[in-house]
Amino acid sequence: MPTKEQGQEQAELGNQARTQRRSVIVGQVLQALGRPATLHRVEVRHLWDDHYRANVYVGANAVSTRVAHSYFVMADEAGNIIASVPDITRKY
């Protein structure tokens, strides 16, 4: 039976893997889309299994941000985007 410490270590490794996967998805979204001049942030939310929602926020400051682009993406274990709806096309 795993000890409490082993369980915590496994949970930390899982969190690190999810964080790394999200970072890879963010990078791929920006690579495909281009970098908006007023980029505020790219938020990637895990929905289920290998499905994610990626929202690209733009705005001069935190008060004026808005979602400029939103994608429903499927990614593999490494975070490589397999498919997106709509397709991510270069805009910037």
PDB file of N, CA and C in Angstrom:
ATOM      1  N   MET A   1       0.841  -1.184   0.000  1.00  0.00           N
ATOM      2  CA  MET A   1       0.000   0.000   0.000  1.00  0.00           C
ATOM      3  C   MET A   1       0.884   1.244   0.000  1.00  0.00           C
ATOM      4  N   PRO A   2       0.616   2.200  -0.890  1.00  0.00           N
ATOM      5  CA  PRO A   2       1.439   3.400  -0.945  1.00  0.00           C
ATOM      6  C   PRO A   2       1.282   4.236   0.321  1.00  0.00           C
ATOM      7  N   THR A   3       2.379   4.840   0.718  1.00  0.00           N
ATOM      8  CA  THR A   3       2.326   5.711   1.886  1.00  0.00           C
ATOM      9  C   THR A   3       1.759   7.067   1.492  1.00  0.00           C
ATOM     10  N   LYS A   4       1.464   7.848   2.488  1.00  0.00           N
ATOM     11  CA  LYS A   4       0.918   9.193   2.240  1.00  0.00           C
ATOM     12  C   LYS A   4       1.919  10.038   1.457  1.00  0.00           C
ATOM     13  N   GLU A   5       3.216   9.896   1.780  1.00  0.00           N
ATOM     14  CA  GLU A   5       4.249  10.658   1.086  1.00  0.00           C
ATOM     15  C   GLU A   5       4.335  10.262  -0.383  1.00  0.00           C
ATOM     16  N   GLN A   6       4.217   8.973  -0.679  1.00  0.00           N
ATOM     17  CA  GLN A   6       4.260   8.522  -2.065  1.00  0.00           C
ATOM     18  C   GLN A   6       3.068   9.069  -2.839  1.00  0.00           C
ATOM     19  N   GLY A   7       1.916   9.105  -2.201  1.00  0.00           N
ATOM     20  CA  GLY A   7       0.722   9.660  -2.836  1.00  0.00           C
ATOM     21  C   GLY A   7       0.895  11.131  -3.153  1.00  0.00           C
ATOM     22  N   GLN A   8       1.512  11.868  -2.221  1.00  0.00           N
ATOM     23  CA  GLN A   8       1.750  13.291  -2.454  1.00  0.00           C
ATOM     24  C   GLN A   8       2.737  13.503  -3.594  1.00  0.00           C
ATOM     25  N   GLU A   9       3.780  12.664  -3.653  1.00  0.00           N
ATOM     26  CA  GLU A   9       4.759  12.778  -4.727  1.00  0.00           C
ATOM     27  C   GLU A   9       4.105  12.506  -6.083  1.00  0.00           C
ATOM     28  N   GLN A  10       3.254  11.506  -6.151  1.00  0.00           N
ATOM     29  CA  GLN A  10       2.568  11.195  -7.398  1.00  0.00           C
ATOM     30  C   GLN A  10       1.637  12.333  -7.808  1.00  0.00           C
ATOM     31  N   ALA A  11       0.957  12.930  -6.837  1.00  0.00           N
ATOM     32  CA  ALA A  11       0.073  14.061  -7.129  1.00  0.00           C
ATOM     33  C   ALA A  11       0.871  15.244  -7.665  1.00  0.00           C
ATOM     34  N   GLU A  12       2.051  15.512  -7.069  1.00  0.00           N
ATOM     35  CA  GLU A  12       2.898  16.606  -7.539  1.00  0.00           C
ATOM     36  C   GLU A  12       3.385  16.358  -8.960  1.00  0.00           C
ATOM     37  N   LEU A  13       3.773  15.121  -9.258  1.00  0.00           N
ATOM     38  CA  LEU A  13       4.208  14.789 -10.616  1.00  0.00           C
ATOM     39  C   LEU A  13       3.070  14.972 -11.606  1.00  0.00           C
ATOM     40  N   GLY A  14       1.856  14.595 -11.211  1.00  0.00           N
ATOM     41  CA  GLY A  14       0.692  14.786 -12.068  1.00  0.00           C
ATOM     42  C   GLY A  14       0.422  16.254 -12.313  1.00  0.00           C
ATOM     43  N   ASN A  15       0.539  17.080 -11.272  1.00  0.00           N
ATOM     44  CA  ASN A  15       0.333  18.523 -11.417  1.00  0.00           C
ATOM     45  C   ASN A  15       1.385  19.137 -12.324  1.00  0.00           C
ATOM     46  N   GLN A  16       2.643  18.702 -12.180  1.00  0.00           N
ATOM     47  CA  GLN A  16       3.714  19.211 -13.028  1.00  0.00           C
ATOM     48  C   GLN A  16       3.472  18.847 -14.490  1.00  0.00           C
ATOM     49  N   ALA A  17       3.017  17.631 -14.726  1.00  0.00           N
ATOM     50  CA  ALA A  17       2.742  17.178 -16.093  1.00  0.00           C
ATOM     51  C   ALA A  17       1.613  17.999 -16.710  1.00  0.00           C
ATOM     52  N   ARG A  18       0.560  18.270 -15.936  1.00  0.00           N
ATOM     53  CA  ARG A  18      -0.555  19.070 -16.452  1.00  0.00           C
ATOM     54  C   ARG A  18      -0.115  20.503 -16.746  1.00  0.00           C
ATOM     55  N   THR A  19       0.698  21.071 -15.862  1.00  0.00           N
ATOM     56  CA  THR A  19       1.202  22.423 -16.066  1.00  0.00           C
ATOM     57  C   THR A  19       2.075  22.481 -17.312  1.00  0.00           C
ATOM     58  N   GLN A  20       2.936  21.484 -17.482  1.00  0.00           N
ATOM     59  CA  GLN A  20       3.798  21.422 -18.660  1.00  0.00           C
ATOM     60  C   GLN A  20       2.963  21.286 -19.930  1.00  0.00           C
ATOM     61  N   ARG A  21       1.941  20.443 -19.900  1.00  0.00           N
ATOM     62  CA  ARG A  21       1.073  20.238 -21.059  1.00  0.00           C
ATOM     63  C   ARG A  21       0.373  21.543 -21.432  1.00  0.00           C
ATOM     64  N   ARG A  22      -0.129  22.267 -20.440  1.00  0.00           N
ATOM     65  CA  ARG A  22      -0.789  23.549 -20.714  1.00  0.00           C
ATOM     66  C   ARG A  22       0.189  24.550 -21.327  1.00  0.00           C
ATOM     67  N   SER A  23       1.410  24.579 -20.830  1.00  0.00           N
ATOM     68  CA  SER A  23       2.421  25.490 -21.373  1.00  0.00           C
ATOM     69  C   SER A  23       2.715  25.185 -22.837  1.00  0.00           C
ATOM     70  N   VAL A  24       2.790  23.917 -23.171  1.00  0.00           N
ATOM     71  CA  VAL A  24       3.040  23.518 -24.560  1.00  0.00           C
ATOM     72  C   VAL A  24       1.867  23.946 -25.435  1.00  0.00           C
ATOM     73  N   ILE A  25       0.653  23.769 -24.941  1.00  0.00           N
ATOM     74  CA  ILE A  25      -0.535  24.170 -25.710  1.00  0.00           C
ATOM     75  C   ILE A  25      -0.529  25.672 -25.942  1.00  0.00           C
ATOM     76  N   VAL A  26      -0.221  26.456 -24.916  1.00  0.00           N
ATOM     77  CA  VAL A  26      -0.149  27.914 -25.059  1.00  0.00           C
ATOM     78  C   VAL A  26       0.860  28.280 -26.144  1.00  0.00           C
ATOM     79  N   GLY A  27       2.030  27.678 -26.094  1.00  0.00           N
ATOM     80  CA  GLY A  27       3.063  27.966 -27.086  1.00  0.00           C
ATOM     81  C   GLY A  27       2.619  27.633 -28.497  1.00  0.00           C
ATOM     82  N   GLN A  28       1.937  26.509 -28.649  1.00  0.00           N
ATOM     83  CA  GLN A  28       1.488  26.117 -29.980  1.00  0.00           C
ATOM     84  C   GLN A  28       0.368  27.016 -30.496  1.00  0.00           C
ATOM     85  N   VAL A  29      -0.512  27.445 -29.617  1.00  0.00           N
ATOM     86  CA  VAL A  29      -1.573  28.375 -30.025  1.00  0.00           C
ATOM     87  C   VAL A  29      -0.953  29.680 -30.521  1.00  0.00           C
ATOM     88  N   LEU A  30      -0.006  30.222 -29.767  1.00  0.00           N
ATOM     89  CA  LEU A  30       0.622  31.483 -30.164  1.00  0.00           C
ATOM     90  C   LEU A  30       1.477  31.325 -31.416  1.00  0.00           C
ATOM     91  N   GLN A  31       2.103  30.167 -31.575  1.00  0.00           N
ATOM     92  CA  GLN A  31       2.897  29.934 -32.778  1.00  0.00           C
ATOM     93  C   GLN A  31       2.006  29.897 -34.019  1.00  0.00           C
ATOM     94  N   ALA A  32       0.867  29.242 -33.911  1.00  0.00           N
ATOM     95  CA  ALA A  32      -0.039  29.134 -35.057  1.00  0.00           C
ATOM     96  C   ALA A  32      -0.790  30.439 -35.318  1.00  0.00           C
ATOM     97  N   LEU A  33      -1.216  31.116 -34.261  1.00  0.00           N
ATOM     98  CA  LEU A  33      -2.018  32.333 -34.373  1.00  0.00           C
ATOM     99  C   LEU A  33      -1.167  33.559 -34.662  1.00  0.00           C
ATOM    100  N   GLY A  34       0.015  33.607 -34.085  1.00  0.00           N
ATOM    101  CA  GLY A  34       0.827  34.816 -34.085  1.00  0.00           C
ATOM    102  C   GLY A  34       0.607  35.511 -32.748  1.00  0.00           C
ATOM    103  N   ARG A  35       1.397  36.530 -32.475  1.00  0.00           N
ATOM    104  CA  ARG A  35       1.297  37.206 -31.174  1.00  0.00           C
ATOM    105  C   ARG A  35       0.579  38.543 -31.344  1.00  0.00           C
ATOM    106  N   PRO A  36      -0.630  38.662 -30.770  1.00  0.00           N
ATOM    107  CA  PRO A  36      -1.349  39.942 -30.836  1.00  0.00           C
ATOM    108  C   PRO A  36      -0.547  41.054 -30.156  1.00  0.00           C
ATOM    109  N   ALA A  37      -0.635  42.260 -30.679  1.00  0.00           N
ATOM    110  CA  ALA A  37       0.125  43.394 -30.133  1.00  0.00           C
ATOM    111  C   ALA A  37      -0.260  43.670 -28.684  1.00  0.00           C
ATOM    112  N   THR A  38      -1.518  43.487 -28.349  1.00  0.00           N
ATOM    113  CA  THR A  38      -1.979  43.783 -26.985  1.00  0.00           C
ATOM    114  C   THR A  38      -2.319  42.498 -26.224  1.00  0.00           C
ATOM    115  N   LEU A  39      -1.522  41.448 -26.436  1.00  0.00           N
ATOM    116  CA  LEU A  39      -1.758  40.175 -25.750  1.00  0.00           C
ATOM    117  C   LEU A  39      -1.708  40.372 -24.239  1.00  0.00           C
ATOM    118  N   HIS A  40      -2.745  39.926 -23.563  1.00  0.00           N
ATOM    119  CA  HIS A  40      -2.778  39.985 -22.101  1.00  0.00           C
ATOM    120  C   HIS A  40      -2.402  38.635 -21.519  1.00  0.00           C
ATOM    121  N   ARG A  41      -3.062  37.564 -21.989  1.00  0.00           N
ATOM    122  CA  ARG A  41      -2.725  36.217 -21.538  1.00  0.00           C
ATOM    123  C   ARG A  41      -3.433  35.200 -22.426  1.00  0.00           C
ATOM    124  N   VAL A  42      -2.942  33.967 -22.343  1.00  0.00           N
ATOM    125  CA  VAL A  42      -3.605  32.837 -22.977  1.00  0.00           C
ATOM    126  C   VAL A  42      -3.949  31.883 -21.840  1.00  0.00           C
ATOM    127  N   GLU A  43      -5.214  31.560 -21.734  1.00  0.00           N
ATOM    128  CA  GLU A  43      -5.691  30.687 -20.667  1.00  0.00           C
ATOM    129  C   GLU A  43      -6.089  29.343 -21.278  1.00  0.00           C
ATOM    130  N   VAL A  44      -5.537  28.263 -20.741  1.00  0.00           N
ATOM    131  CA  VAL A  44      -5.867  26.919 -21.205  1.00  0.00           C
ATOM    132  C   VAL A  44      -6.513  26.185 -20.039  1.00  0.00           C
ATOM    133  N   ARG A  45      -7.727  25.713 -20.262  1.00  0.00           N
ATOM    134  CA  ARG A  45      -8.464  24.973 -19.230  1.00  0.00           C
ATOM    135  C   ARG A  45      -8.684  23.539 -19.676  1.00  0.00           C
ATOM    136  N   HIS A  46      -8.372  22.626 -18.786  1.00  0.00           N
ATOM    137  CA  HIS A  46      -8.600  21.206 -19.062  1.00  0.00           C
ATOM    138  C   HIS A  46     -10.086  20.915 -18.880  1.00  0.00           C
ATOM    139  N   LEU A  47     -10.699  20.300 -19.883  1.00  0.00           N
ATOM    140  CA  LEU A  47     -12.119  19.976 -19.814  1.00  0.00           C
ATOM    141  C   LEU A  47     -12.325  18.518 -19.420  1.00  0.00           C
ATOM    142  N   TRP A  48     -11.818  17.610 -20.230  1.00  0.00           N
ATOM    143  CA  TRP A  48     -11.852  16.182 -19.913  1.00  0.00           C
ATOM    144  C   TRP A  48     -10.842  15.479 -20.803  1.00  0.00           C
ATOM    145  N   ASP A  49     -10.375  14.336 -20.376  1.00  0.00           N
ATOM    146  CA  ASP A  49      -9.414  13.520 -21.122  1.00  0.00           C
ATOM    147  C   ASP A  49      -8.379  14.397 -21.819  1.00  0.00           C
ATOM    148  N   ASP A  50      -8.397  14.426 -23.142  1.00  0.00           N
ATOM    149  CA  ASP A  50      -7.415  15.185 -23.915  1.00  0.00           C
ATOM    150  C   ASP A  50      -8.031  16.437 -24.546  1.00  0.00           C
ATOM    151  N   HIS A  51      -9.103  16.939 -23.972  1.00  0.00           N
ATOM    152  CA  HIS A  51      -9.823  18.099 -24.506  1.00  0.00           C
ATOM    153  C   HIS A  51      -9.582  19.329 -23.622  1.00  0.00           C
ATOM    154  N   TYR A  52      -9.332  20.464 -24.284  1.00  0.00           N
ATOM    155  CA  TYR A  52      -9.023  21.708 -23.590  1.00  0.00           C
ATOM    156  C   TYR A  52      -9.746  22.874 -24.266  1.00  0.00           C
ATOM    157  N   ARG A  53      -9.920  23.959 -23.529  1.00  0.00           N
ATOM    158  CA  ARG A  53     -10.417  25.218 -24.059  1.00  0.00           C
ATOM    159  C   ARG A  53      -9.266  26.207 -23.941  1.00  0.00           C
ATOM    160  N   ALA A  54      -8.900  26.847 -25.043  1.00  0.00           N
ATOM    161  CA  ALA A  54      -7.835  27.846 -25.049  1.00  0.00           C
ATOM    162  C   ALA A  54      -8.447  29.193 -25.411  1.00  0.00           C
ATOM    163  N   ASN A  55      -8.345  30.151 -24.512  1.00  0.00           N
ATOM    164  CA  ASN A  55      -8.854  31.504 -24.735  1.00  0.00           C
ATOM    165  C   ASN A  55      -7.677  32.474 -24.803  1.00  0.00           C
ATOM    166  N   VAL A  56      -7.667  33.319 -25.823  1.00  0.00           N
ATOM    167  CA  VAL A  56      -6.627  34.326 -26.006  1.00  0.00           C
ATOM    168  C   VAL A  56      -7.229  35.674 -25.627  1.00  0.00           C
ATOM    169  N   TYR A  57      -6.705  36.273 -24.563  1.00  0.00           N
ATOM    170  CA  TYR A  57      -7.189  37.562 -24.070  1.00  0.00           C
ATOM    171  C   TYR A  57      -6.279  38.675 -24.572  1.00  0.00           C
ATOM    172  N   VAL A  58      -6.882  39.743 -25.064  1.00  0.00           N
ATOM    173  CA  VAL A  58      -6.130  40.924 -25.487  1.00  0.00           C
ATOM    174  C   VAL A  58      -6.702  42.146 -24.787  1.00  0.00           C
ATOM    175  N   GLY A  59      -5.873  43.176 -24.670  1.00  0.00           N
ATOM    176  CA  GLY A  59      -6.301  44.426 -24.061  1.00  0.00           C
ATOM    177  C   GLY A  59      -5.108  45.189 -23.528  1.00  0.00           C
ATOM    178  N   ALA A  60      -5.250  46.486 -23.458  1.00  0.00           N
ATOM    179  CA  ALA A  60      -4.163  47.341 -23.005  1.00  0.00           C
ATOM    180  C   ALA A  60      -3.868  47.165 -21.518  1.00  0.00           C
ATOM    181  N   ASN A  61      -4.895  46.817 -20.740  1.00  0.00           N
ATOM    182  CA  ASN A  61      -4.705  46.604 -19.306  1.00  0.00           C
ATOM    183  C   ASN A  61      -5.738  45.586 -18.820  1.00  0.00           C
ATOM    184  N   ALA A  62      -5.667  45.233 -17.557  1.00  0.00           N
ATOM    185  CA  ALA A  62      -6.549  44.190 -17.013  1.00  0.00           C
ATOM    186  C   ALA A  62      -8.027  44.557 -17.108  1.00  0.00           C
ATOM    187  N   VAL A  63      -8.345  45.835 -17.034  1.00  0.00           N
ATOM    188  CA  VAL A  63      -9.738  46.276 -17.072  1.00  0.00           C
ATOM    189  C   VAL A  63     -10.337  46.149 -18.469  1.00  0.00           C
ATOM    190  N   SER A  64      -9.510  46.336 -19.486  1.00  0.00           N
ATOM    191  CA  SER A  64     -10.033  46.356 -20.848  1.00  0.00           C
ATOM    192  C   SER A  64      -9.819  45.039 -21.609  1.00  0.00           C
ATOM    193  N   THR A  65      -9.468  43.968 -20.922  1.00  0.00           N
ATOM    194  CA  THR A  65      -9.230  42.706 -21.636  1.00  0.00           C
ATOM    195  C   THR A  65     -10.532  42.110 -22.143  1.00  0.00           C
ATOM    196  N   ARG A  66     -10.398  41.370 -23.244  1.00  0.00           N
ATOM    197  CA  ARG A  66     -11.526  40.650 -23.825  1.00  0.00           C
ATOM    198  C   ARG A  66     -10.983  39.390 -24.485  1.00  0.00           C
ATOM    199  N   VAL A  67     -11.841  38.423 -24.694  1.00  0.00           N
ATOM    200  CA  VAL A  67     -11.452  37.208 -25.391  1.00  0.00           C
ATOM    201  C   VAL A  67     -11.489  37.507 -26.882  1.00  0.00           C
ATOM    202  N   ALA A  68     -10.321  37.501 -27.502  1.00  0.00           N
ATOM    203  CA  ALA A  68     -10.240  37.776 -28.935  1.00  0.00           C
ATOM    204  C   ALA A  68     -10.371  36.496 -29.751  1.00  0.00           C
ATOM    205  N   HIS A  69      -9.896  35.394 -29.192  1.00  0.00           N
ATOM    206  CA  HIS A  69      -9.939  34.107 -29.887  1.00  0.00           C
ATOM    207  C   HIS A  69     -10.201  33.020 -28.855  1.00  0.00           C
ATOM    208  N   SER A  70     -10.992  32.039 -29.254  1.00  0.00           N
ATOM    209  CA  SER A  70     -11.311  30.925 -28.368  1.00  0.00           C
ATOM    210  C   SER A  70     -11.310  29.646 -29.195  1.00  0.00           C
ATOM    211  N   TYR A  71     -10.606  28.629 -28.682  1.00  0.00           N
ATOM    212  CA  TYR A  71     -10.466  27.377 -29.416  1.00  0.00           C
ATOM    213  C   TYR A  71     -10.762  26.197 -28.496  1.00  0.00           C
ATOM    214  N   PHE A  72     -11.420  25.213 -29.045  1.00  0.00           N
ATOM    215  CA  PHE A  72     -11.632  23.931 -28.396  1.00  0.00           C
ATOM    216  C   PHE A  72     -10.577  23.019 -28.999  1.00  0.00           C
ATOM    217  N   VAL A  73      -9.600  22.583 -28.188  1.00  0.00           N
ATOM    218  CA  VAL A  73      -8.485  21.814 -28.744  1.00  0.00           C
ATOM    219  C   VAL A  73      -8.394  20.422 -28.126  1.00  0.00           C
ATOM    220  N   MET A  74      -7.856  19.525 -28.922  1.00  0.00           N
ATOM    221  CA  MET A  74      -7.502  18.187 -28.463  1.00  0.00           C
ATOM    222  C   MET A  74      -5.987  18.114 -28.509  1.00  0.00           C
ATOM    223  N   ALA A  75      -5.371  17.599 -27.452  1.00  0.00           N
ATOM    224  CA  ALA A  75      -3.913  17.520 -27.384  1.00  0.00           C
ATOM    225  C   ALA A  75      -3.483  16.149 -26.897  1.00  0.00           C
ATOM    226  N   ASP A  76      -2.288  15.730 -27.334  1.00  0.00           N
ATOM    227  CA  ASP A  76      -1.767  14.446 -26.884  1.00  0.00           C
ATOM    228  C   ASP A  76      -1.127  14.595 -25.502  1.00  0.00           C
ATOM    229  N   GLU A  77      -0.526  13.542 -25.000  1.00  0.00           N
ATOM    230  CA  GLU A  77       0.064  13.547 -23.655  1.00  0.00           C
ATOM    231  C   GLU A  77       1.150  14.606 -23.494  1.00  0.00           C
ATOM    232  N   ALA A  78       1.863  14.911 -24.585  1.00  0.00           N
ATOM    233  CA  ALA A  78       2.938  15.900 -24.528  1.00  0.00           C
ATOM    234  C   ALA A  78       2.422  17.329 -24.659  1.00  0.00           C
ATOM    235  N   GLY A  79       1.144  17.484 -25.020  1.00  0.00           N
ATOM    236  CA  GLY A  79       0.565  18.806 -25.193  1.00  0.00           C
ATOM    237  C   GLY A  79       0.515  19.265 -26.632  1.00  0.00           C
ATOM    238  N   ASN A  80       0.948  18.419 -27.566  1.00  0.00           N
ATOM    239  CA  ASN A  80       0.883  18.767 -28.983  1.00  0.00           C
ATOM    240  C   ASN A  80      -0.567  18.794 -29.439  1.00  0.00           C
ATOM    241  N   ILE A  81      -0.970  19.882 -30.081  1.00  0.00           N
ATOM    242  CA  ILE A  81      -2.344  20.027 -30.533  1.00  0.00           C
ATOM    243  C   ILE A  81      -2.598  19.094 -31.709  1.00  0.00           C
ATOM    244  N   ILE A  82      -3.593  18.251 -31.560  1.00  0.00           N
ATOM    245  CA  ILE A  82      -3.981  17.294 -32.594  1.00  0.00           C
ATOM    246  C   ILE A  82      -5.046  17.909 -33.494  1.00  0.00           C
ATOM    247  N   ALA A  83      -6.002  18.610 -32.884  1.00  0.00           N
ATOM    248  CA  ALA A  83      -7.103  19.218 -33.628  1.00  0.00           C
ATOM    249  C   ALA A  83      -7.617  20.414 -32.843  1.00  0.00           C
ATOM    250  N   SER A  84      -8.232  21.345 -33.573  1.00  0.00           N
ATOM    251  CA  SER A  84      -8.865  22.482 -32.900  1.00  0.00           C
ATOM    252  C   SER A  84     -10.103  22.894 -33.678  1.00  0.00           C
ATOM    253  N   VAL A  85     -11.078  23.420 -32.929  1.00  0.00           N
ATOM    254  CA  VAL A  85     -12.304  23.946 -33.522  1.00  0.00           C
ATOM    255  C   VAL A  85     -12.490  25.337 -32.932  1.00  0.00           C
ATOM    256  N   PRO A  86     -12.510  26.382 -33.736  1.00  0.00           N
ATOM    257  CA  PRO A  86     -12.180  26.388 -35.157  1.00  0.00           C
ATOM    258  C   PRO A  86     -10.680  26.155 -35.360  1.00  0.00           C
ATOM    259  N   ASP A  87     -10.278  25.973 -36.626  1.00  0.00           N
ATOM    260  CA  ASP A  87      -8.863  25.819 -36.928  1.00  0.00           C
ATOM    261  C   ASP A  87      -8.123  27.077 -36.501  1.00  0.00           C
ATOM    262  N   ILE A  88      -6.918  26.896 -35.978  1.00  0.00           N
ATOM    263  CA  ILE A  88      -6.091  28.033 -35.587  1.00  0.00           C
ATOM    264  C   ILE A  88      -5.320  28.490 -36.821  1.00  0.00           C
ATOM    265  N   THR A  89      -5.606  29.694 -37.274  1.00  0.00           N
ATOM    266  CA  THR A  89      -4.930  30.242 -38.445  1.00  0.00           C
ATOM    267  C   THR A  89      -4.177  31.505 -38.057  1.00  0.00           C
ATOM    268  N   ARG A  90      -3.125  31.800 -38.784  1.00  0.00           N
ATOM    269  CA  ARG A  90      -2.300  32.965 -38.476  1.00  0.00           C
ATOM    270  C   ARG A  90      -3.083  34.255 -38.717  1.00  0.00           C
ATOM    271  N   LYS A  91      -3.132  35.084 -37.693  1.00  0.00           N
ATOM    272  CA  LYS A  91      -3.845  36.366 -37.775  1.00  0.00           C
ATOM    273  C   LYS A  91      -2.901  37.545 -37.513  1.00  0.00           C
ATOM    274  N   TYR A  92      -1.756  37.261 -36.888  1.00  0.00           N
ATOM    275  CA  TYR A  92      -0.846  38.352 -36.501  1.00  0.00           C
ATOM    276  C   TYR A  92       0.548  38.077 -37.012  1.00  0.00           C
TER     277      TYR A  92
END
